[in-house]
Amino acid sequence: MHYALAIVSAFHVLTTVFWAGSTFTLARTAGAGEKLFGAQMVAAVLAILTGGYLFKTLHEGATGPVEHVLGIGVIGALTAFAVQVLIVGLSLRKLRVDSSDAAARLRIVIANRIAGILLAIAALSMGGSRFA
């Protein structure tokens, strides 16, 4: 069981680092990176699924301060995912029709900045949860 937790934990860390890192980068590059969106969302889904598995395995039934702090991270990550799917995804679809749509590019930048802040909150809460 310890090996499985170590592997899932490593996979969770790797996918979240890619998701958050690419989000931070796209938030600073004026919405460039349309080709990265698919990989980003795959990483996000894998990060959420592995995080859910780790939470269920390590914290099931517990309701202490650690779980409350982790809950803040979960809310941040899920909200970031929703922002990216709904705003970035729909804006990218509009850009496929009209690549000169400046409003769509602006929405992508703003959505990635919001998602970046939410993912930073998630990372801080997950890193800080052990001290709660």
Protein backbone atom coordinates (compact mmCIF):
# COMPACT_ATOMS: atom_id res chain seq x y z
CA MET A 1 0.00 0.00 0.00
CA HIS A 2 2.85 2.41 0.76
CA TYR A 3 4.23 2.00 -2.75
CA ALA A 4 0.84 2.78 -4.27
CA LEU A 5 0.51 5.92 -2.16
CA ALA A 6 4.02 7.02 -3.12
CA ILE A 7 3.31 6.50 -6.82
CA VAL A 8 -0.07 8.24 -6.71
CA SER A 9 1.41 11.08 -4.66
CA ALA A 10 4.25 11.56 -7.13
CA PHE A 11 1.83 11.51 -10.05
CA HIS A 12 -0.37 14.05 -8.23
CA VAL A 13 2.59 16.37 -7.70
CA LEU A 14 3.80 16.08 -11.29
CA THR A 15 0.40 16.76 -12.83
CA THR A 16 -0.33 19.68 -10.52
CA VAL A 17 3.08 21.24 -11.18
CA PHE A 18 2.44 21.06 -14.93
CA TRP A 19 -1.12 22.40 -14.58
CA ALA A 20 -0.19 25.29 -12.30
CA GLY A 21 3.08 26.08 -14.07
CA SER A 22 1.51 26.21 -17.50
CA THR A 23 -1.33 28.33 -16.12
CA PHE A 24 1.10 30.82 -14.58
CA THR A 25 3.03 30.96 -17.86
CA LEU A 26 -0.07 31.47 -20.00
CA ALA A 27 -1.30 34.18 -17.65
CA ARG A 28 1.86 36.16 -18.47
CA THR A 29 2.03 35.49 -22.23
CA ALA A 30 -1.09 37.27 -23.45
CA GLY A 31 -3.09 34.09 -23.97
CA ALA A 32 -0.61 32.35 -26.24
CA GLY A 33 -0.52 28.58 -26.07
CA GLU A 34 -3.73 27.37 -27.65
CA LYS A 35 -2.05 24.03 -28.34
CA LEU A 36 -1.22 23.60 -24.65
CA PHE A 37 -4.84 23.76 -23.46
CA GLY A 38 -5.63 20.08 -24.09
CA ALA A 39 -2.57 18.84 -22.21
CA GLN A 40 -3.31 21.31 -19.45
CA MET A 41 -6.84 20.00 -18.98
CA VAL A 42 -5.69 16.37 -19.04
CA ALA A 43 -3.18 17.23 -16.31
CA ALA A 44 -5.90 19.03 -14.36
CA VAL A 45 -8.24 16.05 -14.50
CA LEU A 46 -5.46 13.67 -13.45
CA ALA A 47 -4.44 16.03 -10.63
CA ILE A 48 -8.02 16.21 -9.37
CA LEU A 49 -8.52 12.44 -9.57
CA THR A 50 -5.25 11.59 -7.85
CA GLY A 51 -5.88 14.27 -5.23
CA GLY A 52 -9.31 12.81 -4.58
CA TYR A 53 -7.81 9.35 -4.17
CA LEU A 54 -5.17 10.63 -1.76
CA PHE A 55 -7.74 12.56 0.26
CA LYS A 56 -10.06 9.56 0.48
CA THR A 57 -7.24 7.20 1.39
CA LEU A 58 -5.46 9.40 3.92
CA HIS A 59 -8.24 11.58 5.37
CA GLU A 60 -11.52 9.65 5.05
CA GLY A 61 -13.80 10.40 7.98
CA ALA A 62 -11.49 13.00 9.51
CA THR A 63 -12.80 16.54 10.00
CA GLY A 64 -9.95 18.34 11.74
CA PRO A 65 -8.06 21.49 10.83
CA VAL A 66 -5.87 19.64 8.33
CA GLU A 67 -8.92 18.57 6.32
CA HIS A 68 -10.39 22.07 6.49
CA VAL A 69 -7.20 23.60 5.09
CA LEU A 70 -7.05 20.91 2.40
CA GLY A 71 -10.70 21.67 1.62
CA ILE A 72 -9.73 25.24 0.79
CA GLY A 73 -7.20 23.85 -1.68
CA VAL A 74 -9.77 21.52 -3.20
CA ILE A 75 -12.21 24.40 -3.71
CA GLY A 76 -9.44 26.51 -5.26
CA ALA A 77 -8.39 23.76 -7.66
CA LEU A 78 -11.93 22.86 -8.71
CA THR A 79 -12.82 26.51 -9.24
CA ALA A 80 -9.65 27.05 -11.31
CA PHE A 81 -10.57 24.02 -13.42
CA ALA A 82 -14.10 25.38 -13.97
CA VAL A 83 -12.75 28.82 -14.94
CA GLN A 84 -10.36 27.31 -17.43
CA VAL A 85 -12.85 24.92 -18.98
CA LEU A 86 -15.67 27.45 -19.23
CA ILE A 87 -13.85 30.67 -20.06
CA VAL A 88 -10.58 29.60 -21.68
CA GLY A 89 -12.12 26.65 -23.50
CA LEU A 90 -15.01 28.64 -24.93
CA SER A 91 -12.73 31.54 -25.87
CA LEU A 92 -10.36 29.18 -27.68
CA ARG A 93 -13.33 27.82 -29.61
CA LYS A 94 -14.16 31.39 -30.69
CA LEU A 95 -10.55 31.96 -31.74
CA ARG A 96 -10.72 28.94 -34.05
CA VAL A 97 -13.51 30.72 -35.92
CA ASP A 98 -11.96 34.20 -35.81
CA SER A 99 -8.26 34.27 -34.89
CA SER A 100 -8.27 38.07 -34.69
CA ASP A 101 -10.83 38.20 -31.84
CA ALA A 102 -9.02 40.45 -29.33
CA ALA A 103 -11.80 40.12 -26.74
CA ALA A 104 -11.42 36.33 -26.70
CA ARG A 105 -7.65 36.66 -26.18
CA LEU A 106 -8.23 39.09 -23.31
CA ARG A 107 -10.72 36.66 -21.70
CA ILE A 108 -8.10 33.90 -21.93
CA VAL A 109 -5.48 36.03 -20.20
CA ILE A 110 -7.84 37.14 -17.45
CA ALA A 111 -9.19 33.62 -16.91
CA ASN A 112 -5.67 32.19 -16.67
CA ARG A 113 -4.72 34.90 -14.16
CA ILE A 114 -7.76 34.08 -12.04
CA ALA A 115 -7.01 30.35 -12.32
CA GLY A 116 -3.38 31.02 -11.43
CA ILE A 117 -4.38 32.81 -8.23
CA LEU A 118 -6.76 29.97 -7.35
CA LEU A 119 -4.08 27.36 -8.02
CA ALA A 120 -1.60 29.30 -5.89
CA ILE A 121 -4.14 29.24 -3.06
CA ALA A 122 -4.57 25.50 -3.61
CA ALA A 123 -0.81 24.91 -3.53
CA LEU A 124 -0.36 27.00 -0.38
CA SER A 125 -3.19 25.24 1.41
CA MET A 126 -1.91 21.80 0.48
CA GLY A 127 1.65 22.65 1.46
CA GLY A 128 0.55 24.33 4.66
CA SER A 129 -2.02 21.74 5.71
CA ARG A 130 0.54 19.70 7.60
CA PHE A 131 1.05 22.66 9.94
CA ALA A 132 -2.66 23.17 10.68
